[in-house]
C-alpha cells in the first residue's frame, strides 16, 4: 500500500495501483519518411474518473503525437487508464454536492505515476515502428490545469 501526505493538512491518503489498461492506440502512417532525429511534440490530457462506490479512481492519460515541424499532422495517439484503489475514498467526497475534495499533493502523485506508466506503455507499443523514438519526456505533473 502506498500513500501520499498533504503538507498543509497532514492528511495521509492511502492508495494502491490496482490496474493498467490500454484503452486505445493508433498510428497515422505519414506520407513521407520520418527522419531518425525527428523532434516530436506531445499533447497530454489527464482525466480522473471517480468510482466512489468501489473506492477507485481511474486516471486516464491521452497522448497525441505530432511532428514538431508539422503540428497539423497527428502521427499517433495512445490512451491508458491507471486504476487506483483508495480505501477511504468516500471520506473525500462532499456529500452536499457529491464532488471530490482530494488533496492536491495526492492528485499530483497519482498523475505522476500515471504519466510515467504511460511512458513505458508507449515505448512497448511503439517499439519497432516509425514512432520508436517518440519517447515521452519527463513532465511536471503540477503543470496540468484543472478543468471541472
Protein backbone atom coordinates (compact mmCIF):
# COMPACT_ATOMS: atom_id res chain seq x y z
CA UNK A 1 0.00 0.00 0.00
CA UNK A 2 1.31 3.43 -0.89
CA UNK A 3 0.37 6.81 0.40
CA UNK A 4 0.97 10.49 0.00
CA UNK A 5 0.76 13.17 2.64
CA UNK A 6 -0.76 16.61 2.15
CA UNK A 7 1.66 19.00 3.89
CA UNK A 8 -0.90 21.69 4.64
CA UNK A 9 -3.47 19.43 6.30
CA UNK A 10 -1.32 16.44 7.29
CA UNK A 11 -3.75 14.02 5.69
CA UNK A 12 -2.32 10.71 4.58
CA UNK A 13 -4.16 9.27 1.59
CA UNK A 14 -3.59 5.54 1.34
CA UNK A 15 -3.77 4.12 -2.15
CA UNK A 16 -2.68 1.23 -4.29
CA UNK A 17 -2.28 0.82 -8.05
CA UNK A 18 -4.77 -1.92 -8.98
CA UNK A 19 -4.65 -1.99 -12.77
CA UNK A 20 -3.29 -0.64 -16.03
CA UNK A 21 -5.48 -0.77 -19.12
CA UNK A 22 -4.53 0.09 -22.68
CA UNK A 23 -7.74 1.73 -23.88
CA UNK A 24 -6.67 2.79 -27.37
CA UNK A 25 -3.70 3.45 -29.59
CA UNK A 26 -3.29 4.22 -33.24
CA UNK A 27 -0.74 5.02 -35.90
CA UNK A 28 -1.33 7.52 -38.65
CA UNK A 29 1.30 6.49 -41.16
CA UNK A 30 2.91 9.59 -42.66
CA UNK A 31 3.16 10.05 -46.41
CA UNK A 32 6.85 10.92 -46.09
CA UNK A 33 9.69 9.11 -44.36
CA UNK A 34 10.29 10.22 -40.80
CA UNK A 35 13.90 11.27 -40.19
CA UNK A 36 15.65 9.37 -37.40
CA UNK A 37 16.31 12.60 -35.49
CA UNK A 38 12.76 13.95 -35.72
CA UNK A 39 11.59 16.05 -32.79
CA UNK A 40 8.16 15.01 -31.56
CA UNK A 41 5.54 17.15 -29.88
CA UNK A 42 3.19 15.58 -27.33
CA UNK A 43 -0.25 16.80 -26.34
CA UNK A 44 -1.10 15.25 -22.97
CA UNK A 45 -4.54 15.18 -21.36
CA UNK A 46 -5.40 13.72 -17.98
CA UNK A 47 -8.88 12.85 -16.79
CA UNK A 48 -9.89 11.50 -13.38
CA UNK A 49 -12.87 9.17 -13.25
CA UNK A 50 -14.04 8.56 -9.71
CA UNK A 51 -15.94 5.41 -8.81
CA UNK A 52 -16.63 6.21 -5.16
CA UNK A 53 -18.83 3.15 -4.56
CA UNK A 54 -15.87 0.90 -5.42
CA UNK A 55 -13.16 3.15 -3.89
CA UNK A 56 -11.45 3.54 -7.27
CA UNK A 57 -10.04 6.45 -9.24
CA UNK A 58 -9.15 5.83 -12.87
CA UNK A 59 -6.56 8.26 -14.19
CA UNK A 60 -6.99 8.27 -17.96
CA UNK A 61 -3.97 9.67 -19.81
CA UNK A 62 -4.42 10.52 -23.50
CA UNK A 63 -1.43 11.47 -25.62
CA UNK A 64 -1.43 12.71 -29.20
CA UNK A 65 1.91 12.69 -31.02
CA UNK A 66 2.87 15.24 -33.67
CA UNK A 67 5.91 16.14 -35.73
CA UNK A 68 7.31 19.25 -34.09
CA UNK A 69 7.52 20.96 -37.51
CA UNK A 70 4.06 19.88 -38.72
CA UNK A 71 1.67 20.09 -35.80
CA UNK A 72 -1.30 19.78 -38.14
CA UNK A 73 -0.47 16.10 -38.81
CA UNK A 74 -1.09 13.70 -35.94
CA UNK A 75 1.30 10.74 -36.18
CA UNK A 76 -0.31 8.64 -33.49
CA UNK A 77 -2.07 8.53 -30.17
CA UNK A 78 -2.41 6.39 -27.09
CA UNK A 79 -4.86 6.25 -24.19
CA UNK A 80 -4.11 4.38 -20.97
CA UNK A 81 -6.05 4.10 -17.72
CA UNK A 82 -4.28 3.62 -14.40
CA UNK A 83 -6.70 2.43 -11.74
CA UNK A 84 -6.01 3.29 -8.12
CA UNK A 85 -7.82 1.96 -5.08
CA UNK A 86 -8.31 4.45 -2.24
CA UNK A 87 -9.89 2.61 0.72
CA UNK A 88 -11.24 5.81 2.35
CA UNK A 89 -12.30 7.49 -0.91
CA UNK A 90 -15.81 8.26 0.37
CA UNK A 91 -14.26 10.47 3.08
CA UNK A 92 -13.07 12.80 0.29
CA UNK A 93 -16.46 13.17 -1.40
CA UNK A 94 -18.51 16.21 -0.39
CA UNK A 95 -21.97 14.76 0.41
CA UNK A 96 -23.79 18.06 -0.27
CA UNK A 97 -22.91 18.28 -3.95
CA UNK A 98 -21.25 14.86 -4.50
CA UNK A 99 -17.93 16.40 -5.60
CA UNK A 100 -14.47 15.11 -4.70
CA UNK A 101 -12.15 17.09 -2.43
CA UNK A 102 -8.87 15.22 -2.77
CA UNK A 103 -5.61 16.83 -1.63
CA UNK A 104 -3.57 18.44 -4.44
CA UNK A 105 -0.42 16.56 -3.40
CA UNK A 106 -2.26 13.28 -3.78
CA UNK A 107 -3.57 14.22 -7.24
CA UNK A 108 -0.06 15.26 -8.29
CA UNK A 109 1.27 11.90 -7.09
CA UNK A 110 -1.23 9.77 -9.00
CA UNK A 111 -0.82 11.96 -12.09
CA UNK A 112 2.95 11.46 -11.92
CA UNK A 113 2.63 7.69 -11.52
CA UNK A 114 0.15 7.55 -14.41
CA UNK A 115 2.28 9.63 -16.79
CA UNK A 116 5.35 7.51 -16.01
CA UNK A 117 3.35 4.33 -16.57
CA UNK A 118 2.07 5.59 -19.92
CA UNK A 119 5.66 6.40 -20.95
CA UNK A 120 6.53 2.72 -20.52
CA UNK A 121 3.38 1.52 -22.31
CA UNK A 122 4.17 3.90 -25.20
CA UNK A 123 7.68 2.55 -25.53
CA UNK A 124 6.38 -1.01 -25.58
CA UNK A 125 3.58 -0.32 -28.10
CA UNK A 126 5.65 1.86 -30.44
CA UNK A 127 8.83 -0.25 -30.43
CA UNK A 128 9.89 -1.16 -33.94
CA UNK A 129 7.52 1.32 -35.61
CA UNK A 130 8.06 4.77 -37.08
CA UNK A 131 7.22 6.11 -33.56
CA UNK A 132 10.01 4.11 -31.93
CA UNK A 133 11.87 7.32 -30.97
CA UNK A 134 8.74 9.13 -29.76
CA UNK A 135 9.71 8.82 -26.10
CA UNK A 136 7.56 10.94 -23.80
CA UNK A 137 9.80 13.42 -21.97
CA UNK A 138 9.67 13.90 -18.22
CA UNK A 139 6.92 16.40 -17.48
CA UNK A 140 5.92 18.27 -14.35
CA UNK A 141 2.64 16.71 -13.15
CA UNK A 142 1.80 20.00 -11.39
CA UNK A 143 1.70 21.77 -14.75
CA UNK A 144 -1.70 20.34 -15.69
CA UNK A 145 -4.62 22.73 -15.41
CA UNK A 146 -7.75 21.51 -13.71
CA UNK A 147 -10.95 21.89 -15.70
CA UNK A 148 -14.06 20.94 -13.77
